[in-house]
């Protein structure tokens, strides 16, 4: 079974940086991609970024393009989200998610517990 554990959240001033980490276990060749989502209070969970199992393909939400970078370390089963030029509107709980690909309609099926990111103005 896939398990995901996020870390690295915290409080940062606008314009600052944070790096989130996601430790993944139980991954198999059935993993299509790993992604980051975020959920602000009272709002729906939204896509932030994703990276393919091989690491060769990445995608980003328009709101974070040019500021956030997703990467992975296959040897350590880690996925990272480097967040630069943070804005108050980036404040949210950030979740790491597992995407099994076409076998489940490309729907994310496992999630971590989340890590809080707060950006002060």
N, C-alpha and C. Protein backbone atom coordinates (compact mmCIF):
# COMPACT_ATOMS: atom_id res chain seq x y z
N UNK A 1 0.84 -1.19 0.00
CA UNK A 1 0.00 0.00 0.00
C UNK A 1 0.88 1.24 0.00
N UNK A 2 0.46 2.23 -0.77
CA UNK A 2 1.21 3.47 -0.88
C UNK A 2 1.02 4.32 0.37
N UNK A 3 2.11 4.84 0.88
CA UNK A 3 2.05 5.78 1.99
C UNK A 3 2.86 7.02 1.64
N UNK A 4 2.29 8.17 1.95
CA UNK A 4 2.92 9.44 1.63
C UNK A 4 2.99 10.30 2.89
N UNK A 5 4.14 10.87 3.17
CA UNK A 5 4.32 11.70 4.35
C UNK A 5 4.98 13.01 3.94
N UNK A 6 4.25 14.12 4.13
CA UNK A 6 4.78 15.43 3.77
C UNK A 6 5.49 16.07 4.96
N UNK A 7 6.42 16.95 4.64
CA UNK A 7 7.11 17.75 5.65
C UNK A 7 7.64 19.01 4.99
N UNK A 8 8.07 19.95 5.83
CA UNK A 8 8.72 21.15 5.31
C UNK A 8 7.87 22.40 5.33
N UNK A 9 6.62 22.29 5.73
CA UNK A 9 5.78 23.48 5.79
C UNK A 9 6.21 24.40 6.92
N UNK A 10 5.61 25.59 6.94
CA UNK A 10 5.92 26.54 7.99
C UNK A 10 5.42 27.92 7.68
N UNK A 11 5.90 28.88 8.46
CA UNK A 11 5.51 30.28 8.29
C UNK A 11 6.66 31.02 7.62
N UNK A 12 6.34 31.76 6.57
CA UNK A 12 7.37 32.49 5.84
C UNK A 12 6.79 33.83 5.39
N UNK A 13 7.63 34.82 5.26
CA UNK A 13 7.17 36.12 4.77
C UNK A 13 7.02 36.10 3.25
N UNK A 14 6.17 36.97 2.77
CA UNK A 14 6.00 37.10 1.32
C UNK A 14 7.35 37.36 0.66
N UNK A 15 7.56 36.68 -0.47
CA UNK A 15 8.83 36.78 -1.17
C UNK A 15 9.84 35.73 -0.76
N UNK A 16 9.54 35.01 0.30
CA UNK A 16 10.45 33.99 0.79
C UNK A 16 10.28 32.66 0.07
N UNK A 17 11.01 31.66 0.58
CA UNK A 17 11.02 30.35 -0.05
C UNK A 17 10.82 29.25 0.99
N UNK A 18 10.29 28.15 0.52
CA UNK A 18 10.18 26.93 1.32
C UNK A 18 10.35 25.75 0.38
N UNK A 19 10.84 24.64 0.95
CA UNK A 19 10.90 23.40 0.18
C UNK A 19 10.10 22.33 0.92
N UNK A 20 9.08 21.83 0.26
CA UNK A 20 8.30 20.74 0.82
C UNK A 20 8.87 19.41 0.35
N UNK A 21 8.77 18.43 1.23
CA UNK A 21 9.23 17.08 0.90
C UNK A 21 8.09 16.09 1.09
N UNK A 22 8.09 15.06 0.28
CA UNK A 22 7.11 13.98 0.39
C UNK A 22 7.86 12.66 0.33
N UNK A 23 7.81 11.93 1.45
CA UNK A 23 8.44 10.61 1.51
C UNK A 23 7.41 9.58 1.10
N UNK A 24 7.73 8.83 0.06
CA UNK A 24 6.79 7.86 -0.49
C UNK A 24 7.28 6.44 -0.24
N UNK A 25 6.36 5.56 0.15
CA UNK A 25 6.69 4.15 0.30
C UNK A 25 5.58 3.32 -0.34
N UNK A 26 5.91 2.07 -0.64
CA UNK A 26 4.91 1.20 -1.26
C UNK A 26 4.70 1.47 -2.73
N UNK A 27 5.56 2.27 -3.35
CA UNK A 27 5.40 2.57 -4.78
C UNK A 27 5.76 1.36 -5.62
N UNK A 28 5.04 1.20 -6.72
CA UNK A 28 5.31 0.11 -7.64
C UNK A 28 5.40 0.67 -9.06
N UNK A 29 5.59 -0.24 -10.02
CA UNK A 29 5.62 0.21 -11.41
C UNK A 29 4.26 0.70 -11.87
N UNK A 30 3.24 0.53 -11.02
CA UNK A 30 1.92 1.03 -11.32
C UNK A 30 1.75 2.51 -11.02
N UNK A 31 2.81 3.15 -10.54
CA UNK A 31 2.75 4.58 -10.28
C UNK A 31 2.94 5.35 -11.57
N UNK A 32 1.98 6.18 -11.91
CA UNK A 32 2.04 7.00 -13.12
C UNK A 32 2.70 8.34 -12.84
N UNK A 33 2.31 8.94 -11.72
CA UNK A 33 2.85 10.26 -11.37
C UNK A 33 2.64 10.51 -9.88
N UNK A 34 3.37 11.49 -9.39
CA UNK A 34 3.16 12.00 -8.04
C UNK A 34 2.91 13.49 -8.16
N UNK A 35 2.04 14.00 -7.32
CA UNK A 35 1.68 15.40 -7.46
C UNK A 35 1.54 16.12 -6.13
N UNK A 36 1.49 17.43 -6.23
CA UNK A 36 1.22 18.29 -5.07
C UNK A 36 -0.09 19.04 -5.34
N UNK A 37 -0.90 19.07 -4.31
CA UNK A 37 -2.15 19.82 -4.34
C UNK A 37 -2.16 20.72 -3.10
N UNK A 38 -3.05 21.69 -3.09
CA UNK A 38 -3.19 22.53 -1.90
C UNK A 38 -4.64 22.87 -1.67
N UNK A 39 -4.94 23.12 -0.40
CA UNK A 39 -6.30 23.45 -0.01
C UNK A 39 -6.28 24.59 0.98
N UNK A 40 -6.84 25.71 0.58
CA UNK A 40 -6.96 26.87 1.46
C UNK A 40 -8.24 26.73 2.27
N UNK A 41 -8.33 27.41 3.43
CA UNK A 41 -9.54 27.31 4.26
C UNK A 41 -10.79 27.66 3.48
N UNK A 42 -11.78 26.78 3.56
CA UNK A 42 -13.05 27.03 2.91
C UNK A 42 -13.06 26.84 1.42
N UNK A 43 -11.97 26.32 0.87
CA UNK A 43 -11.88 26.14 -0.58
C UNK A 43 -11.59 24.69 -0.92
N UNK A 44 -11.78 24.35 -2.19
CA UNK A 44 -11.53 23.00 -2.65
C UNK A 44 -10.03 22.75 -2.81
N UNK A 45 -9.65 21.49 -2.76
CA UNK A 45 -8.27 21.11 -3.01
C UNK A 45 -7.97 21.35 -4.49
N UNK A 46 -6.85 21.99 -4.76
CA UNK A 46 -6.49 22.33 -6.13
C UNK A 46 -5.12 21.80 -6.51
N UNK A 47 -4.99 21.48 -7.78
CA UNK A 47 -3.73 20.99 -8.32
C UNK A 47 -2.66 22.08 -8.29
N UNK A 48 -1.44 21.69 -7.92
CA UNK A 48 -0.30 22.61 -7.92
C UNK A 48 0.75 22.18 -8.95
N UNK A 49 1.19 20.93 -8.84
CA UNK A 49 2.24 20.44 -9.73
C UNK A 49 2.26 18.93 -9.71
N UNK A 50 2.80 18.33 -10.77
CA UNK A 50 2.93 16.88 -10.83
C UNK A 50 4.19 16.51 -11.60
N UNK A 51 4.68 15.31 -11.31
CA UNK A 51 5.87 14.81 -11.98
C UNK A 51 5.65 13.34 -12.31
N UNK A 52 6.05 12.94 -13.50
CA UNK A 52 5.87 11.56 -13.93
C UNK A 52 6.77 10.62 -13.14
N UNK A 53 6.45 9.34 -13.19
CA UNK A 53 7.23 8.34 -12.45
C UNK A 53 8.70 8.39 -12.84
N UNK A 54 8.98 8.60 -14.11
CA UNK A 54 10.37 8.67 -14.57
C UNK A 54 11.02 9.99 -14.22
N UNK A 55 10.21 10.98 -13.94
CA UNK A 55 10.75 12.31 -13.66
C UNK A 55 10.96 13.16 -14.91
N UNK A 56 10.64 12.62 -16.06
CA UNK A 56 10.92 13.31 -17.31
C UNK A 56 9.86 14.35 -17.68
N UNK A 57 8.70 14.25 -17.08
CA UNK A 57 7.59 15.16 -17.42
C UNK A 57 7.06 15.82 -16.16
N UNK A 58 6.89 17.13 -16.24
CA UNK A 58 6.32 17.88 -15.13
C UNK A 58 5.19 18.76 -15.65
N UNK A 59 4.29 19.12 -14.76
CA UNK A 59 3.22 20.05 -15.10
C UNK A 59 2.93 20.91 -13.89
N UNK A 60 2.44 22.13 -14.17
CA UNK A 60 2.20 23.10 -13.11
C UNK A 60 0.89 23.84 -13.33
N UNK A 61 0.30 24.25 -12.23
CA UNK A 61 -0.83 25.18 -12.31
C UNK A 61 -0.29 26.53 -12.77
N UNK A 62 -1.11 27.26 -13.51
CA UNK A 62 -0.68 28.57 -14.00
C UNK A 62 -0.25 29.50 -12.88
N UNK A 63 -0.91 29.37 -11.75
CA UNK A 63 -0.66 30.28 -10.62
C UNK A 63 0.72 30.12 -10.00
N UNK A 64 1.39 29.01 -10.27
CA UNK A 64 2.70 28.77 -9.66
C UNK A 64 3.83 28.64 -10.67
N UNK A 65 3.50 28.67 -11.95
CA UNK A 65 4.53 28.53 -12.99
C UNK A 65 5.59 29.62 -12.83
N UNK A 66 6.84 29.21 -12.92
CA UNK A 66 7.94 30.15 -12.78
C UNK A 66 8.35 30.41 -11.35
N UNK A 67 7.55 29.97 -10.39
CA UNK A 67 7.88 30.17 -8.96
C UNK A 67 8.13 28.85 -8.24
N UNK A 68 7.40 27.81 -8.62
CA UNK A 68 7.51 26.51 -7.96
C UNK A 68 8.19 25.53 -8.90
N UNK A 69 8.94 24.59 -8.31
CA UNK A 69 9.58 23.54 -9.08
C UNK A 69 9.39 22.20 -8.37
N UNK A 70 8.86 21.23 -9.11
CA UNK A 70 8.69 19.89 -8.56
C UNK A 70 9.84 19.02 -9.05
N UNK A 71 10.32 18.15 -8.16
CA UNK A 71 11.40 17.24 -8.54
C UNK A 71 11.25 15.96 -7.72
N UNK A 72 12.00 14.94 -8.13
CA UNK A 72 11.94 13.68 -7.36
C UNK A 72 13.30 13.03 -7.34
N UNK A 73 13.53 12.27 -6.29
CA UNK A 73 14.75 11.49 -6.12
C UNK A 73 14.32 10.04 -6.04
N UNK A 74 14.48 9.32 -7.13
CA UNK A 74 14.00 7.94 -7.18
C UNK A 74 14.73 7.05 -6.19
N UNK A 75 15.99 7.30 -5.98
CA UNK A 75 16.77 6.46 -5.07
C UNK A 75 16.25 6.56 -3.64
N UNK A 76 15.72 7.73 -3.29
CA UNK A 76 15.24 7.95 -1.93
C UNK A 76 13.71 7.90 -1.85
N UNK A 77 13.05 7.71 -2.98
CA UNK A 77 11.59 7.73 -3.02
C UNK A 77 11.04 9.03 -2.42
N UNK A 78 11.62 10.12 -2.84
CA UNK A 78 11.22 11.43 -2.33
C UNK A 78 10.74 12.30 -3.48
N UNK A 79 9.75 13.13 -3.20
CA UNK A 79 9.28 14.14 -4.13
C UNK A 79 9.37 15.49 -3.41
N UNK A 80 9.83 16.49 -4.12
CA UNK A 80 10.04 17.81 -3.53
C UNK A 80 9.23 18.87 -4.27
N UNK A 81 8.90 19.91 -3.54
CA UNK A 81 8.29 21.09 -4.16
C UNK A 81 9.05 22.31 -3.64
N UNK A 82 9.87 22.87 -4.50
CA UNK A 82 10.59 24.09 -4.16
C UNK A 82 9.70 25.28 -4.49
N UNK A 83 9.42 26.08 -3.49
CA UNK A 83 8.50 27.21 -3.64
C UNK A 83 9.27 28.50 -3.40
N UNK A 84 9.37 29.31 -4.43
CA UNK A 84 10.05 30.61 -4.34
C UNK A 84 9.07 31.74 -4.58
N UNK A 85 9.47 32.93 -4.21
CA UNK A 85 8.64 34.13 -4.39
C UNK A 85 7.23 33.90 -3.87
N UNK A 86 7.16 33.39 -2.67
CA UNK A 86 5.86 33.04 -2.10
C UNK A 86 4.98 34.27 -1.88
N UNK A 87 3.68 34.06 -2.06
CA UNK A 87 2.69 35.11 -1.91
C UNK A 87 1.70 34.70 -0.83
N UNK A 88 1.03 35.68 -0.22
CA UNK A 88 0.02 35.32 0.80
C UNK A 88 -1.04 34.35 0.26
N UNK A 89 -1.36 34.46 -1.02
CA UNK A 89 -2.37 33.57 -1.59
C UNK A 89 -1.88 32.14 -1.77
N UNK A 90 -0.62 31.88 -1.51
CA UNK A 90 -0.10 30.51 -1.51
C UNK A 90 -0.37 29.80 -0.18
N UNK A 91 -0.90 30.53 0.78
CA UNK A 91 -1.21 29.95 2.08
C UNK A 91 -2.24 28.84 1.94
N UNK A 92 -1.91 27.66 2.43
CA UNK A 92 -2.80 26.51 2.30
C UNK A 92 -2.15 25.31 2.99
N UNK A 93 -2.93 24.25 3.10
CA UNK A 93 -2.37 22.95 3.46
C UNK A 93 -1.98 22.27 2.15
N UNK A 94 -0.74 21.81 2.08
CA UNK A 94 -0.22 21.19 0.87
C UNK A 94 -0.19 19.68 1.05
N UNK A 95 -0.71 18.98 0.04
CA UNK A 95 -0.82 17.53 0.08
C UNK A 95 -0.03 16.91 -1.06
N UNK A 96 0.59 15.80 -0.76
CA UNK A 96 1.25 14.98 -1.77
C UNK A 96 0.26 13.87 -2.17
N UNK A 97 0.19 13.59 -3.47
CA UNK A 97 -0.76 12.61 -3.95
C UNK A 97 -0.14 11.63 -4.93
N UNK A 98 -0.73 10.44 -5.00
CA UNK A 98 -0.26 9.36 -5.87
C UNK A 98 -1.27 9.14 -7.00
N UNK A 99 -0.77 9.12 -8.23
CA UNK A 99 -1.62 8.90 -9.39
C UNK A 99 -1.25 7.58 -10.06
N UNK A 100 -2.17 6.61 -10.08
CA UNK A 100 -1.86 5.31 -10.66
C UNK A 100 -1.99 5.26 -12.17
N UNK A 101 -2.48 6.34 -12.77
CA UNK A 101 -2.55 6.37 -14.22
C UNK A 101 -3.85 5.80 -14.78
N UNK A 102 -3.82 5.24 -15.96
CA UNK A 102 -5.05 4.84 -16.66
C UNK A 102 -5.84 3.74 -15.97
N UNK A 103 -5.21 2.94 -15.14
CA UNK A 103 -5.94 1.86 -14.47
C UNK A 103 -7.05 2.39 -13.57
N UNK A 104 -6.88 3.62 -13.11
CA UNK A 104 -7.91 4.23 -12.27
C UNK A 104 -8.33 5.58 -12.84
N UNK A 105 -8.29 5.68 -14.16
CA UNK A 105 -8.77 6.89 -14.79
C UNK A 105 -7.97 8.13 -14.47
N UNK A 106 -6.69 7.94 -14.16
CA UNK A 106 -5.79 9.06 -13.83
C UNK A 106 -6.24 9.83 -12.60
N UNK A 107 -7.04 9.23 -11.75
CA UNK A 107 -7.46 9.86 -10.51
C UNK A 107 -6.44 9.56 -9.42
N UNK A 108 -6.14 10.57 -8.60
CA UNK A 108 -5.23 10.38 -7.47
C UNK A 108 -5.92 9.50 -6.43
N UNK A 109 -5.20 8.49 -5.94
CA UNK A 109 -5.85 7.52 -5.05
C UNK A 109 -5.29 7.48 -3.64
N UNK A 110 -4.10 7.98 -3.43
CA UNK A 110 -3.53 8.03 -2.09
C UNK A 110 -3.03 9.45 -1.80
N UNK A 111 -3.19 9.85 -0.54
CA UNK A 111 -2.81 11.19 -0.12
C UNK A 111 -2.03 11.14 1.18
N UNK A 112 -1.16 12.12 1.36
CA UNK A 112 -0.51 12.29 2.65
C UNK A 112 -1.42 13.06 3.59
N UNK A 113 -0.90 13.34 4.79
CA UNK A 113 -1.70 14.02 5.81
C UNK A 113 -1.71 15.53 5.63
N UNK A 114 -0.78 16.03 4.80
CA UNK A 114 -0.72 17.46 4.54
C UNK A 114 0.27 18.19 5.43
N UNK A 115 0.76 19.31 4.93
CA UNK A 115 1.66 20.18 5.70
C UNK A 115 1.23 21.62 5.46
N UNK A 116 1.15 22.38 6.54
CA UNK A 116 0.64 23.76 6.47
C UNK A 116 1.73 24.72 5.99
N UNK A 117 1.37 25.53 5.02
CA UNK A 117 2.23 26.62 4.55
C UNK A 117 1.48 27.92 4.78
N UNK A 118 2.09 28.83 5.51
CA UNK A 118 1.49 30.12 5.78
C UNK A 118 2.44 31.22 5.32
N UNK A 119 1.95 32.10 4.45
CA UNK A 119 2.77 33.19 3.93
C UNK A 119 2.20 34.50 4.45
N UNK A 120 2.99 35.21 5.22
CA UNK A 120 2.53 36.48 5.79
C UNK A 120 2.90 37.64 4.86
N UNK A 121 2.05 38.64 4.89
CA UNK A 121 2.28 39.81 4.01
C UNK A 121 3.13 40.87 4.69
